């Protein structure tokens, strides 16, 4: 998930603010899922329950996101990976700036990006 997260940030993903579901999921009851018409999911103690007619609890969704970020050792407030987490994974982080005019990295450009290196794999974000 860390590599996917790094690519998502490179592509403009804003972390917690971008980790959203459509507003109608909070207000329109679930009626049908093409691959699961009865909306069956595992419940407590392995019991199968139907979520048909359910809506997503907004506060519960935010708590779930916090737990997700915490389990991955990402920043809970921003939903982004921390420098420490990436360094613990052996990723070396090099700060560079991107010059959009000539498509090159330099120290004078205004937009900041990062190059993450793990072994021979480079991801520019």
PDB file of N, CA and C in Angstrom:
ATOM      1  N   UNK A   1       0.810  -1.196   0.000  1.00  0.00           N
ATOM      2  CA  UNK A   1       0.000   0.000   0.000  1.00  0.00           C
ATOM      3  C   UNK A   1       0.855   1.262   0.000  1.00  0.00           C
ATOM      4  N   UNK A   2       2.078   1.176   0.514  1.00  0.00           N
ATOM      5  CA  UNK A   2       2.913   2.364   0.544  1.00  0.00           C
ATOM      6  C   UNK A   2       3.310   2.805  -0.861  1.00  0.00           C
ATOM      7  N   UNK A   3       3.622   1.853  -1.723  1.00  0.00           N
ATOM      8  CA  UNK A   3       3.979   2.211  -3.102  1.00  0.00           C
ATOM      9  C   UNK A   3       2.761   2.796  -3.814  1.00  0.00           C
ATOM     10  N   UNK A   4       1.602   2.178  -3.626  1.00  0.00           N
ATOM     11  CA  UNK A   4       0.366   2.698  -4.228  1.00  0.00           C
ATOM     12  C   UNK A   4       0.079   4.103  -3.704  1.00  0.00           C
ATOM     13  N   UNK A   5       0.271   4.294  -2.396  1.00  0.00           N
ATOM     14  CA  UNK A   5       0.059   5.614  -1.809  1.00  0.00           C
ATOM     15  C   UNK A   5       0.989   6.661  -2.386  1.00  0.00           C
ATOM     16  N   UNK A   6       2.254   6.294  -2.590  1.00  0.00           N
ATOM     17  CA  UNK A   6       3.223   7.232  -3.161  1.00  0.00           C
ATOM     18  C   UNK A   6       2.831   7.619  -4.582  1.00  0.00           C
ATOM     19  N   UNK A   7       2.379   6.651  -5.358  1.00  0.00           N
ATOM     20  CA  UNK A   7       1.951   6.943  -6.732  1.00  0.00           C
ATOM     21  C   UNK A   7       0.705   7.821  -6.708  1.00  0.00           C
ATOM     22  N   UNK A   8      -0.213   7.554  -5.797  1.00  0.00           N
ATOM     23  CA  UNK A   8      -1.433   8.356  -5.705  1.00  0.00           C
ATOM     24  C   UNK A   8      -1.108   9.813  -5.382  1.00  0.00           C
ATOM     25  N   UNK A   9      -0.157  10.036  -4.474  1.00  0.00           N
ATOM     26  CA  UNK A   9       0.247  11.405  -4.143  1.00  0.00           C
ATOM     27  C   UNK A   9       0.868  12.061  -5.372  1.00  0.00           C
ATOM     28  N   UNK A  10       1.709  11.322  -6.074  1.00  0.00           N
ATOM     29  CA  UNK A  10       2.326  11.856  -7.296  1.00  0.00           C
ATOM     30  C   UNK A  10       1.264  12.301  -8.301  1.00  0.00           C
ATOM     31  N   UNK A  11       0.162  11.567  -8.352  1.00  0.00           N
ATOM     32  CA  UNK A  11      -0.898  11.858  -9.322  1.00  0.00           C
ATOM     33  C   UNK A  11      -1.905  12.880  -8.800  1.00  0.00           C
ATOM     34  N   UNK A  12      -1.641  13.477  -7.651  1.00  0.00           N
ATOM     35  CA  UNK A  12      -2.483  14.554  -7.157  1.00  0.00           C
ATOM     36  C   UNK A  12      -3.452  14.186  -6.052  1.00  0.00           C
ATOM     37  N   UNK A  13      -3.388  12.953  -5.568  1.00  0.00           N
ATOM     38  CA  UNK A  13      -4.267  12.527  -4.472  1.00  0.00           C
ATOM     39  C   UNK A  13      -3.938  13.343  -3.237  1.00  0.00           C
ATOM     40  N   UNK A  14      -4.948  13.900  -2.588  1.00  0.00           N
ATOM     41  CA  UNK A  14      -4.735  14.788  -1.465  1.00  0.00           C
ATOM     42  C   UNK A  14      -4.827  14.143  -0.105  1.00  0.00           C
ATOM     43  N   UNK A  15      -4.709  12.838  -0.011  1.00  0.00           N
ATOM     44  CA  UNK A  15      -4.756  12.176   1.291  1.00  0.00           C
ATOM     45  C   UNK A  15      -6.164  12.093   1.843  1.00  0.00           C
ATOM     46  N   UNK A  16      -6.311  12.378   3.133  1.00  0.00           N
ATOM     47  CA  UNK A  16      -7.586  12.221   3.826  1.00  0.00           C
ATOM     48  C   UNK A  16      -8.716  12.967   3.123  1.00  0.00           C
ATOM     49  N   UNK A  17      -8.453  14.188   2.667  1.00  0.00           N
ATOM     50  CA  UNK A  17      -9.495  14.967   1.992  1.00  0.00           C
ATOM     51  C   UNK A  17      -9.952  14.321   0.689  1.00  0.00           C
ATOM     52  N   UNK A  18      -9.061  13.554   0.051  1.00  0.00           N
ATOM     53  CA  UNK A  18      -9.417  12.890  -1.209  1.00  0.00           C
ATOM     54  C   UNK A  18     -10.027  11.508  -0.993  1.00  0.00           C
ATOM     55  N   UNK A  19      -9.826  10.945   0.180  1.00  0.00           N
ATOM     56  CA  UNK A  19     -10.360   9.615   0.481  1.00  0.00           C
ATOM     57  C   UNK A  19     -11.827   9.746   0.870  1.00  0.00           C
ATOM     58  N   UNK A  20     -12.653   9.909  -0.122  1.00  0.00           N
ATOM     59  CA  UNK A  20     -14.075  10.151   0.087  1.00  0.00           C
ATOM     60  C   UNK A  20     -14.918   9.178  -0.731  1.00  0.00           C
ATOM     61  N   UNK A  21     -16.142   9.029  -0.325  1.00  0.00           N
ATOM     62  CA  UNK A  21     -17.129   8.297  -1.117  1.00  0.00           C
ATOM     63  C   UNK A  21     -18.202   9.299  -1.511  1.00  0.00           C
ATOM     64  N   UNK A  22     -18.984   8.997  -2.530  1.00  0.00           N
ATOM     65  CA  UNK A  22     -20.023   9.944  -2.955  1.00  0.00           C
ATOM     66  C   UNK A  22     -21.010  10.254  -1.827  1.00  0.00           C
ATOM     67  N   UNK A  23     -21.481  11.494  -1.780  1.00  0.00           N
ATOM     68  CA  UNK A  23     -22.410  11.931  -0.733  1.00  0.00           C
ATOM     69  C   UNK A  23     -23.667  11.079  -0.654  1.00  0.00           C
ATOM     70  N   UNK A  24     -24.132  10.551  -1.791  1.00  0.00           N
ATOM     71  CA  UNK A  24     -25.367   9.773  -1.748  1.00  0.00           C
ATOM     72  C   UNK A  24     -25.220   8.496  -0.911  1.00  0.00           C
ATOM     73  N   UNK A  25     -24.000   8.031  -0.697  1.00  0.00           N
ATOM     74  CA  UNK A  25     -23.790   6.834   0.122  1.00  0.00           C
ATOM     75  C   UNK A  25     -24.189   7.068   1.578  1.00  0.00           C
ATOM     76  N   UNK A  26     -24.228   8.343   1.992  1.00  0.00           N
ATOM     77  CA  UNK A  26     -24.609   8.691   3.352  1.00  0.00           C
ATOM     78  C   UNK A  26     -26.119   8.881   3.504  1.00  0.00           C
ATOM     79  N   UNK A  27     -26.827   9.022   2.391  1.00  0.00           N
ATOM     80  CA  UNK A  27     -28.249   9.362   2.486  1.00  0.00           C
ATOM     81  C   UNK A  27     -29.183   8.409   1.741  1.00  0.00           C
ATOM     82  N   UNK A  28     -28.716   7.793   0.677  1.00  0.00           N
ATOM     83  CA  UNK A  28     -29.569   6.909  -0.130  1.00  0.00           C
ATOM     84  C   UNK A  28     -29.342   5.460   0.303  1.00  0.00           C
ATOM     85  N   UNK A  29     -30.368   4.791   0.796  1.00  0.00           N
ATOM     86  CA  UNK A  29     -30.209   3.406   1.244  1.00  0.00           C
ATOM     87  C   UNK A  29     -29.754   2.474   0.116  1.00  0.00           C
ATOM     88  N   UNK A  30     -28.854   1.574   0.451  1.00  0.00           N
ATOM     89  CA  UNK A  30     -28.351   0.588  -0.491  1.00  0.00           C
ATOM     90  C   UNK A  30     -29.486  -0.365  -0.866  1.00  0.00           C
ATOM     91  N   UNK A  31     -29.739  -0.508  -2.161  1.00  0.00           N
ATOM     92  CA  UNK A  31     -30.824  -1.376  -2.605  1.00  0.00           C
ATOM     93  C   UNK A  31     -30.343  -2.603  -3.378  1.00  0.00           C
ATOM     94  N   UNK A  32     -29.214  -2.469  -4.079  1.00  0.00           N
ATOM     95  CA  UNK A  32     -28.807  -3.540  -4.966  1.00  0.00           C
ATOM     96  C   UNK A  32     -27.343  -3.373  -5.331  1.00  0.00           C
ATOM     97  N   UNK A  33     -26.623  -4.459  -5.365  1.00  0.00           N
ATOM     98  CA  UNK A  33     -25.247  -4.477  -5.852  1.00  0.00           C
ATOM     99  C   UNK A  33     -25.194  -5.564  -6.911  1.00  0.00           C
ATOM    100  N   UNK A  34     -24.777  -5.228  -8.120  1.00  0.00           N
ATOM    101  CA  UNK A  34     -24.843  -6.158  -9.246  1.00  0.00           C
ATOM    102  C   UNK A  34     -24.187  -7.508  -8.932  1.00  0.00           C
ATOM    103  N   UNK A  35     -23.009  -7.491  -8.318  1.00  0.00           N
ATOM    104  CA  UNK A  35     -22.315  -8.741  -8.034  1.00  0.00           C
ATOM    105  C   UNK A  35     -22.797  -9.401  -6.746  1.00  0.00           C
ATOM    106  N   UNK A  36     -23.640  -8.695  -5.973  1.00  0.00           N
ATOM    107  CA  UNK A  36     -24.126  -9.207  -4.696  1.00  0.00           C
ATOM    108  C   UNK A  36     -25.542  -8.648  -4.471  1.00  0.00           C
ATOM    109  N   UNK A  37     -26.542  -9.158  -5.205  1.00  0.00           N
ATOM    110  CA  UNK A  37     -27.890  -8.577  -5.182  1.00  0.00           C
ATOM    111  C   UNK A  37     -28.516  -8.455  -3.795  1.00  0.00           C
ATOM    112  N   UNK A  38     -28.179  -9.335  -2.894  1.00  0.00           N
ATOM    113  CA  UNK A  38     -28.757  -9.275  -1.547  1.00  0.00           C
ATOM    114  C   UNK A  38     -27.911  -8.437  -0.594  1.00  0.00           C
ATOM    115  N   UNK A  39     -26.784  -7.902  -1.091  1.00  0.00           N
ATOM    116  CA  UNK A  39     -25.899  -7.041  -0.287  1.00  0.00           C
ATOM    117  C   UNK A  39     -25.426  -7.760   0.970  1.00  0.00           C
ATOM    118  N   UNK A  40     -25.020  -9.023   0.819  1.00  0.00           N
ATOM    119  CA  UNK A  40     -24.591  -9.834   1.952  1.00  0.00           C
ATOM    120  C   UNK A  40     -23.126  -9.574   2.280  1.00  0.00           C
ATOM    121  N   UNK A  41     -22.852  -9.433   3.573  1.00  0.00           N
ATOM    122  CA  UNK A  41     -21.493  -9.206   4.071  1.00  0.00           C
ATOM    123  C   UNK A  41     -21.292 -10.008   5.342  1.00  0.00           C
ATOM    124  N   UNK A  42     -20.037 -10.278   5.713  1.00  0.00           N
ATOM    125  CA  UNK A  42     -19.801 -10.969   6.979  1.00  0.00           C
ATOM    126  C   UNK A  42     -20.120 -10.062   8.158  1.00  0.00           C
ATOM    127  N   UNK A  43     -20.789 -10.618   9.136  1.00  0.00           N
ATOM    128  CA  UNK A  43     -21.112  -9.877  10.348  1.00  0.00           C
ATOM    129  C   UNK A  43     -20.309 -10.395  11.521  1.00  0.00           C
ATOM    130  N   UNK A  44     -20.779 -10.127  12.711  1.00  0.00           N
ATOM    131  CA  UNK A  44     -20.094 -10.582  13.917  1.00  0.00           C
ATOM    132  C   UNK A  44     -20.103 -12.093  13.989  1.00  0.00           C
ATOM    133  N   UNK A  45     -18.992 -12.639  14.454  1.00  0.00           N
ATOM    134  CA  UNK A  45     -18.839 -14.089  14.643  1.00  0.00           C
ATOM    135  C   UNK A  45     -19.105 -14.881  13.365  1.00  0.00           C
ATOM    136  N   UNK A  46     -18.809 -14.284  12.187  1.00  0.00           N
ATOM    137  CA  UNK A  46     -18.959 -14.982  10.927  1.00  0.00           C
ATOM    138  C   UNK A  46     -20.380 -15.073  10.398  1.00  0.00           C
ATOM    139  N   UNK A  47     -21.323 -14.477  11.087  1.00  0.00           N
ATOM    140  CA  UNK A  47     -22.717 -14.489  10.646  1.00  0.00           C
ATOM    141  C   UNK A  47     -22.838 -13.671   9.353  1.00  0.00           C
ATOM    142  N   UNK A  48     -23.615 -14.142   8.407  1.00  0.00           N
ATOM    143  CA  UNK A  48     -23.846 -13.413   7.161  1.00  0.00           C
ATOM    144  C   UNK A  48     -25.049 -12.495   7.353  1.00  0.00           C
ATOM    145  N   UNK A  49     -24.856 -11.211   7.047  1.00  0.00           N
ATOM    146  CA  UNK A  49     -25.934 -10.237   7.210  1.00  0.00           C
ATOM    147  C   UNK A  49     -26.116  -9.452   5.917  1.00  0.00           C
ATOM    148  N   UNK A  50     -27.304  -8.949   5.715  1.00  0.00           N
ATOM    149  CA  UNK A  50     -27.598  -8.130   4.548  1.00  0.00           C
ATOM    150  C   UNK A  50     -27.463  -6.655   4.916  1.00  0.00           C
ATOM    151  N   UNK A  51     -26.834  -5.892   4.045  1.00  0.00           N
ATOM    152  CA  UNK A  51     -26.716  -4.445   4.229  1.00  0.00           C
ATOM    153  C   UNK A  51     -27.740  -3.701   3.377  1.00  0.00           C
ATOM    154  N   UNK A  52     -28.670  -4.466   2.769  1.00  0.00           N
ATOM    155  CA  UNK A  52     -29.707  -3.843   1.955  1.00  0.00           C
ATOM    156  C   UNK A  52     -30.483  -2.851   2.799  1.00  0.00           C
ATOM    157  N   UNK A  53     -30.633  -1.631   2.296  1.00  0.00           N
ATOM    158  CA  UNK A  53     -31.342  -0.586   3.007  1.00  0.00           C
ATOM    159  C   UNK A  53     -30.447   0.252   3.908  1.00  0.00           C
ATOM    160  N   UNK A  54     -29.178  -0.107   4.023  1.00  0.00           N
ATOM    161  CA  UNK A  54     -28.267   0.621   4.914  1.00  0.00           C
ATOM    162  C   UNK A  54     -27.670   1.838   4.206  1.00  0.00           C
ATOM    163  N   UNK A  55     -27.271   2.813   4.996  1.00  0.00           N
ATOM    164  CA  UNK A  55     -26.502   3.958   4.513  1.00  0.00           C
ATOM    165  C   UNK A  55     -25.197   3.986   5.319  1.00  0.00           C
ATOM    166  N   UNK A  56     -24.194   4.655   4.774  1.00  0.00           N
ATOM    167  CA  UNK A  56     -22.908   4.755   5.455  1.00  0.00           C
ATOM    168  C   UNK A  56     -22.994   5.833   6.529  1.00  0.00           C
ATOM    169  N   UNK A  57     -22.518   5.514   7.707  1.00  0.00           N
ATOM    170  CA  UNK A  57     -22.441   6.479   8.793  1.00  0.00           C
ATOM    171  C   UNK A  57     -21.203   7.352   8.571  1.00  0.00           C
ATOM    172  N   UNK A  58     -21.393   8.650   8.402  1.00  0.00           N
ATOM    173  CA  UNK A  58     -20.289   9.563   8.077  1.00  0.00           C
ATOM    174  C   UNK A  58     -19.202   9.540   9.157  1.00  0.00           C
ATOM    175  N   UNK A  59     -19.589   9.618  10.426  1.00  0.00           N
ATOM    176  CA  UNK A  59     -18.611   9.594  11.515  1.00  0.00           C
ATOM    177  C   UNK A  59     -17.892   8.250  11.578  1.00  0.00           C
ATOM    178  N   UNK A  60     -18.635   7.177  11.341  1.00  0.00           N
ATOM    179  CA  UNK A  60     -18.031   5.848  11.315  1.00  0.00           C
ATOM    180  C   UNK A  60     -17.023   5.710  10.186  1.00  0.00           C
ATOM    181  N   UNK A  61     -17.338   6.299   9.036  1.00  0.00           N
ATOM    182  CA  UNK A  61     -16.424   6.259   7.893  1.00  0.00           C
ATOM    183  C   UNK A  61     -15.134   7.012   8.232  1.00  0.00           C
ATOM    184  N   UNK A  62     -15.248   8.155   8.886  1.00  0.00           N
ATOM    185  CA  UNK A  62     -14.055   8.918   9.277  1.00  0.00           C
ATOM    186  C   UNK A  62     -13.226   8.143  10.301  1.00  0.00           C
ATOM    187  N   UNK A  63     -13.881   7.451  11.242  1.00  0.00           N
ATOM    188  CA  UNK A  63     -13.145   6.624  12.211  1.00  0.00           C
ATOM    189  C   UNK A  63     -12.417   5.489  11.499  1.00  0.00           C
ATOM    190  N   UNK A  64     -13.081   4.879  10.511  1.00  0.00           N
ATOM    191  CA  UNK A  64     -12.468   3.791   9.752  1.00  0.00           C
ATOM    192  C   UNK A  64     -11.233   4.290   9.007  1.00  0.00           C
ATOM    193  N   UNK A  65     -11.312   5.493   8.425  1.00  0.00           N
ATOM    194  CA  UNK A  65     -10.149   6.055   7.724  1.00  0.00           C
ATOM    195  C   UNK A  65      -9.003   6.279   8.707  1.00  0.00           C
ATOM    196  N   UNK A  66      -9.309   6.799   9.891  1.00  0.00           N
ATOM    197  CA  UNK A  66      -8.268   7.018  10.898  1.00  0.00           C
ATOM    198  C   UNK A  66      -7.583   5.707  11.273  1.00  0.00           C
ATOM    199  N   UNK A  67      -8.383   4.660  11.461  1.00  0.00           N
ATOM    200  CA  UNK A  67      -7.821   3.352  11.799  1.00  0.00           C
ATOM    201  C   UNK A  67      -6.946   2.833  10.665  1.00  0.00           C
ATOM    202  N   UNK A  68      -7.405   2.995   9.431  1.00  0.00           N
ATOM    203  CA  UNK A  68      -6.649   2.567   8.245  1.00  0.00           C
ATOM    204  C   UNK A  68      -5.286   3.258   8.207  1.00  0.00           C
ATOM    205  N   UNK A  69      -5.271   4.585   8.381  1.00  0.00           N
ATOM    206  CA  UNK A  69      -4.008   5.325   8.342  1.00  0.00           C
ATOM    207  C   UNK A  69      -3.102   4.906   9.495  1.00  0.00           C
ATOM    208  N   UNK A  70      -3.680   4.727  10.669  1.00  0.00           N
ATOM    209  CA  UNK A  70      -2.890   4.349  11.836  1.00  0.00           C
ATOM    210  C   UNK A  70      -2.248   2.975  11.647  1.00  0.00           C
ATOM    211  N   UNK A  71      -3.000   2.019  11.115  1.00  0.00           N
ATOM    212  CA  UNK A  71      -2.457   0.675  10.893  1.00  0.00           C
ATOM    213  C   UNK A  71      -1.298   0.693   9.898  1.00  0.00           C
ATOM    214  N   UNK A  72      -1.317   1.619   8.966  1.00  0.00           N
ATOM    215  CA  UNK A  72      -0.256   1.718   7.962  1.00  0.00           C
ATOM    216  C   UNK A  72       0.865   2.662   8.384  1.00  0.00           C
ATOM    217  N   UNK A  73       0.730   3.238   9.581  1.00  0.00           N
ATOM    218  CA  UNK A  73       1.698   4.180  10.135  1.00  0.00           C
ATOM    219  C   UNK A  73       1.822   5.426   9.260  1.00  0.00           C
ATOM    220  N   UNK A  74       0.679   5.876   8.739  1.00  0.00           N
ATOM    221  CA  UNK A  74       0.596   7.126   7.990  1.00  0.00           C
ATOM    222  C   UNK A  74       0.112   8.206   8.945  1.00  0.00           C
ATOM    223  N   UNK A  75       0.186   9.444   8.537  1.00  0.00           N
ATOM    224  CA  UNK A  75      -0.301  10.545   9.352  1.00  0.00           C
ATOM    225  C   UNK A  75      -1.825  10.513   9.378  1.00  0.00           C
ATOM    226  N   UNK A  76      -2.407  10.358  10.570  1.00  0.00           N
ATOM    227  CA  UNK A  76      -3.863  10.227  10.699  1.00  0.00           C
ATOM    228  C   UNK A  76      -4.571  11.515  10.294  1.00  0.00           C
ATOM    229  N   UNK A  77      -4.001  12.656  10.615  1.00  0.00           N
ATOM    230  CA  UNK A  77      -4.644  13.938  10.301  1.00  0.00           C
ATOM    231  C   UNK A  77      -4.711  14.208   8.804  1.00  0.00           C
ATOM    232  N   UNK A  78      -3.644  13.851   8.082  1.00  0.00           N
ATOM    233  CA  UNK A  78      -3.592  14.162   6.639  1.00  0.00           C
ATOM    234  C   UNK A  78      -3.917  12.976   5.753  1.00  0.00           C
ATOM    235  N   UNK A  79      -3.761  11.755   6.274  1.00  0.00           N
ATOM    236  CA  UNK A  79      -3.952  10.572   5.449  1.00  0.00           C
ATOM    237  C   UNK A  79      -2.809  10.329   4.481  1.00  0.00           C
ATOM    238  N   UNK A  80      -1.667  10.961   4.738  1.00  0.00           N
ATOM    239  CA  UNK A  80      -0.501  10.806   3.866  1.00  0.00           C
ATOM    240  C   UNK A  80       0.589  10.022   4.587  1.00  0.00           C
ATOM    241  N   UNK A  81       1.454   9.408   3.797  1.00  0.00           N
ATOM    242  CA  UNK A  81       2.569   8.679   4.373  1.00  0.00           C
ATOM    243  C   UNK A  81       3.512   9.647   5.073  1.00  0.00           C
ATOM    244  N   UNK A  82       4.124   9.173   6.133  1.00  0.00           N
ATOM    245  CA  UNK A  82       5.098  10.003   6.831  1.00  0.00           C
ATOM    246  C   UNK A  82       6.494   9.694   6.317  1.00  0.00           C
ATOM    247  N   UNK A  83       7.367  10.665   6.455  1.00  0.00           N
ATOM    248  CA  UNK A  83       8.767  10.453   6.075  1.00  0.00           C
ATOM    249  C   UNK A  83       9.328   9.256   6.840  1.00  0.00           C
ATOM    250  N   UNK A  84       8.995   9.165   8.135  1.00  0.00           N
ATOM    251  CA  UNK A  84       9.506   8.075   8.969  1.00  0.00           C
ATOM    252  C   UNK A  84       9.069   6.713   8.433  1.00  0.00           C
ATOM    253  N   UNK A  85       7.801   6.583   8.075  1.00  0.00           N
ATOM    254  CA  UNK A  85       7.308   5.309   7.544  1.00  0.00           C
ATOM    255  C   UNK A  85       8.058   4.924   6.280  1.00  0.00           C
ATOM    256  N   UNK A  86       8.239   5.879   5.372  1.00  0.00           N
ATOM    257  CA  UNK A  86       8.951   5.583   4.136  1.00  0.00           C
ATOM    258  C   UNK A  86      10.407   5.217   4.401  1.00  0.00           C
ATOM    259  N   UNK A  87      11.043   5.923   5.322  1.00  0.00           N
ATOM    260  CA  UNK A  87      12.436   5.612   5.648  1.00  0.00           C
ATOM    261  C   UNK A  87      12.562   4.247   6.309  1.00  0.00           C
ATOM    262  N   UNK A  88      11.588   3.864   7.154  1.00  0.00           N
ATOM    263  CA  UNK A  88      11.604   2.541   7.777  1.00  0.00           C
ATOM    264  C   UNK A  88      11.472   1.436   6.735  1.00  0.00           C
ATOM    265  N   UNK A  89      10.839   1.742   5.615  1.00  0.00           N
ATOM    266  CA  UNK A  89      10.697   0.774   4.533  1.00  0.00           C
ATOM    267  C   UNK A  89      11.948   0.727   3.652  1.00  0.00           C
ATOM    268  N   UNK A  90      12.923   1.560   3.984  1.00  0.00           N
ATOM    269  CA  UNK A  90      14.158   1.579   3.209  1.00  0.00           C
ATOM    270  C   UNK A  90      14.095   2.489   2.004  1.00  0.00           C
ATOM    271  N   UNK A  91      13.132   3.387   1.955  1.00  0.00           N
ATOM    272  CA  UNK A  91      13.019   4.322   0.843  1.00  0.00           C
ATOM    273  C   UNK A  91      13.822   5.564   1.176  1.00  0.00           C
ATOM    274  N   UNK A  92      14.705   5.938   0.299  1.00  0.00           N
ATOM    275  CA  UNK A  92      15.477   7.154   0.451  1.00  0.00           C
ATOM    276  C   UNK A  92      14.693   8.266  -0.222  1.00  0.00           C
ATOM    277  N   UNK A  93      14.518   9.373   0.445  1.00  0.00           N
ATOM    278  CA  UNK A  93      13.689  10.455  -0.066  1.00  0.00           C
ATOM    279  C   UNK A  93      14.588  11.622  -0.455  1.00  0.00           C
ATOM    280  N   UNK A  94      14.527  12.002  -1.710  1.00  0.00           N
ATOM    281  CA  UNK A  94      15.317  13.113  -2.221  1.00  0.00           C
ATOM    282  C   UNK A  94      14.381  14.238  -2.606  1.00  0.00           C
ATOM    283  N   UNK A  95      14.563  15.390  -2.005  1.00  0.00           N
ATOM    284  CA  UNK A  95      13.709  16.529  -2.319  1.00  0.00           C
ATOM    285  C   UNK A  95      14.219  17.193  -3.598  1.00  0.00           C
ATOM    286  N   UNK A  96      13.323  17.370  -4.532  1.00  0.00           N
ATOM    287  CA  UNK A  96      13.648  18.041  -5.780  1.00  0.00           C
ATOM    288  C   UNK A  96      12.492  18.941  -6.174  1.00  0.00           C
ATOM    289  N   UNK A  97      12.744  19.888  -7.044  1.00  0.00           N
ATOM    290  CA  UNK A  97      11.684  20.738  -7.556  1.00  0.00           C
ATOM    291  C   UNK A  97      11.509  20.481  -9.047  1.00  0.00           C
ATOM    292  N   UNK A  98      10.294  20.640  -9.509  1.00  0.00           N
ATOM    293  CA  UNK A  98       9.946  20.348 -10.895  1.00  0.00           C
ATOM    294  C   UNK A  98       9.730  21.652 -11.647  1.00  0.00           C
ATOM    295  N   UNK A  99      10.409  21.799 -12.761  1.00  0.00           N
ATOM    296  CA  UNK A  99      10.254  22.966 -13.614  1.00  0.00           C
ATOM    297  C   UNK A  99       9.365  22.554 -14.784  1.00  0.00           C
ATOM    298  N   UNK A 100       8.118  23.013 -14.770  1.00  0.00           N
ATOM    299  CA  UNK A 100       7.154  22.605 -15.788  1.00  0.00           C
ATOM    300  C   UNK A 100       7.484  23.181 -17.164  1.00  0.00           C
ATOM    301  N   UNK A 101       8.206  24.301 -17.212  1.00  0.00           N
ATOM    302  CA  UNK A 101       8.505  24.930 -18.503  1.00  0.00           C
ATOM    303  C   UNK A 101       9.391  24.064 -19.378  1.00  0.00           C
ATOM    304  N   UNK A 102      10.441  23.489 -18.798  1.00  0.00           N
ATOM    305  CA  UNK A 102      11.322  22.657 -19.617  1.00  0.00           C
ATOM    306  C   UNK A 102      11.340  21.191 -19.173  1.00  0.00           C
ATOM    307  N   UNK A 103      10.349  20.817 -18.364  1.00  0.00           N
ATOM    308  CA  UNK A 103      10.184  19.425 -17.917  1.00  0.00           C
ATOM    309  C   UNK A 103      11.466  18.873 -17.295  1.00  0.00           C
ATOM    310  N   UNK A 104      12.042  19.632 -16.373  1.00  0.00           N
ATOM    311  CA  UNK A 104      13.266  19.185 -15.720  1.00  0.00           C
ATOM    312  C   UNK A 104      13.181  19.490 -14.226  1.00  0.00           C
ATOM    313  N   UNK A 105      14.047  18.814 -13.472  1.00  0.00           N
ATOM    314  CA  UNK A 105      14.148  19.099 -12.046  1.00  0.00           C
ATOM    315  C   UNK A 105      15.208  20.164 -11.836  1.00  0.00           C
ATOM    316  N   UNK A 106      14.931  21.100 -10.947  1.00  0.00           N
ATOM    317  CA  UNK A 106      15.906  22.137 -10.615  1.00  0.00           C
ATOM    318  C   UNK A 106      15.622  22.664  -9.229  1.00  0.00           C
ATOM    319  N   UNK A 107      16.458  23.543  -8.738  1.00  0.00           N
ATOM    320  CA  UNK A 107      16.257  24.148  -7.431  1.00  0.00           C
ATOM    321  C   UNK A 107      15.408  25.411  -7.503  1.00  0.00           C
ATOM    322  N   UNK A 108      15.138  25.929  -8.691  1.00  0.00           N
ATOM    323  CA  UNK A 108      14.446  27.211  -8.795  1.00  0.00           C
ATOM    324  C   UNK A 108      12.959  27.089  -9.100  1.00  0.00           C
ATOM    325  N   UNK A 109      12.481  25.902  -9.409  1.00  0.00           N
ATOM    326  CA  UNK A 109      11.059  25.743  -9.730  1.00  0.00           C
ATOM    327  C   UNK A 109      10.214  25.880  -8.470  1.00  0.00           C
ATOM    328  N   UNK A 110       8.924  26.098  -8.653  1.00  0.00           N
ATOM    329  CA  UNK A 110       8.067  26.375  -7.503  1.00  0.00           C
ATOM    330  C   UNK A 110       7.322  25.155  -6.979  1.00  0.00           C
ATOM    331  N   UNK A 111       7.067  24.150  -7.783  1.00  0.00           N
ATOM    332  CA  UNK A 111       6.319  22.978  -7.342  1.00  0.00           C
ATOM    333  C   UNK A 111       7.286  21.929  -6.812  1.00  0.00           C
ATOM    334  N   UNK A 112       7.021  21.438  -5.607  1.00  0.00           N
ATOM    335  CA  UNK A 112       7.916  20.476  -4.978  1.00  0.00           C
ATOM    336  C   UNK A 112       7.453  19.060  -5.278  1.00  0.00           C
ATOM    337  N   UNK A 113       8.397  18.185  -5.570  1.00  0.00           N
ATOM    338  CA  UNK A 113       8.114  16.768  -5.772  1.00  0.00           C
ATOM    339  C   UNK A 113       9.139  15.946  -5.016  1.00  0.00           C
ATOM    340  N   UNK A 114       9.006  14.646  -5.014  1.00  0.00           N
ATOM    341  CA  UNK A 114       9.953  13.774  -4.347  1.00  0.00           C
ATOM    342  C   UNK A 114      10.269  12.600  -5.247  1.00  0.00           C
ATOM    343  N   UNK A 115      11.464  12.087  -5.111  1.00  0.00           N
ATOM    344  CA  UNK A 115      11.837  10.844  -5.766  1.00  0.00           C
ATOM    345  C   UNK A 115      12.027   9.827  -4.662  1.00  0.00           C
ATOM    346  N   UNK A 116      11.300   8.739  -4.729  1.00  0.00           N
ATOM    347  CA  UNK A 116      11.409   7.675  -3.740  1.00  0.00           C
ATOM    348  C   UNK A 116      12.176   6.530  -4.369  1.00  0.00           C
ATOM    349  N   UNK A 117      13.237   6.097  -3.732  1.00  0.00           N
ATOM    350  CA  UNK A 117      14.061   5.033  -4.280  1.00  0.00           C
ATOM    351  C   UNK A 117      14.052   3.842  -3.337  1.00  0.00           C
ATOM    352  N   UNK A 118      13.756   2.684  -3.867  1.00  0.00           N
ATOM    353  CA  UNK A 118      13.815   1.454  -3.087  1.00  0.00           C
ATOM    354  C   UNK A 118      14.491   0.433  -3.980  1.00  0.00           C
ATOM    355  N   UNK A 119      15.715   0.095  -3.660  1.00  0.00           N
ATOM    356  CA  UNK A 119      16.460  -0.772  -4.548  1.00  0.00           C
ATOM    357  C   UNK A 119      16.672  -0.073  -5.878  1.00  0.00           C
ATOM    358  N   UNK A 120      16.208  -0.691  -6.937  1.00  0.00           N
ATOM    359  CA  UNK A 120      16.352  -0.085  -8.263  1.00  0.00           C
ATOM    360  C   UNK A 120      15.052   0.529  -8.750  1.00  0.00           C
ATOM    361  N   UNK A 121      14.025   0.528  -7.919  1.00  0.00           N
ATOM    362  CA  UNK A 121      12.731   1.074  -8.323  1.00  0.00           C
ATOM    363  C   UNK A 121      12.650   2.542  -7.934  1.00  0.00           C
ATOM    364  N   UNK A 122      12.382   3.403  -8.879  1.00  0.00           N
ATOM    365  CA  UNK A 122      12.239   4.830  -8.588  1.00  0.00           C
ATOM    366  C   UNK A 122      10.806   5.257  -8.874  1.00  0.00           C
ATOM    367  N   UNK A 123      10.231   5.968  -7.947  1.00  0.00           N
ATOM    368  CA  UNK A 123       8.886   6.526  -8.118  1.00  0.00           C
ATOM    369  C   UNK A 123       9.009   8.011  -7.911  1.00  0.00           C
ATOM    370  N   UNK A 124       8.634   8.795  -8.885  1.00  0.00           N
ATOM    371  CA  UNK A 124       8.696  10.233  -8.747  1.00  0.00           C
ATOM    372  C   UNK A 124       7.333  10.747  -8.344  1.00  0.00           C
ATOM    373  N   UNK A 125       7.302  11.457  -7.213  1.00  0.00           N
ATOM    374  CA  UNK A 125       6.035  12.040  -6.785  1.00  0.00           C
ATOM    375  C   UNK A 125       6.221  13.508  -6.530  1.00  0.00           C
TER     376      UNK A 125
END
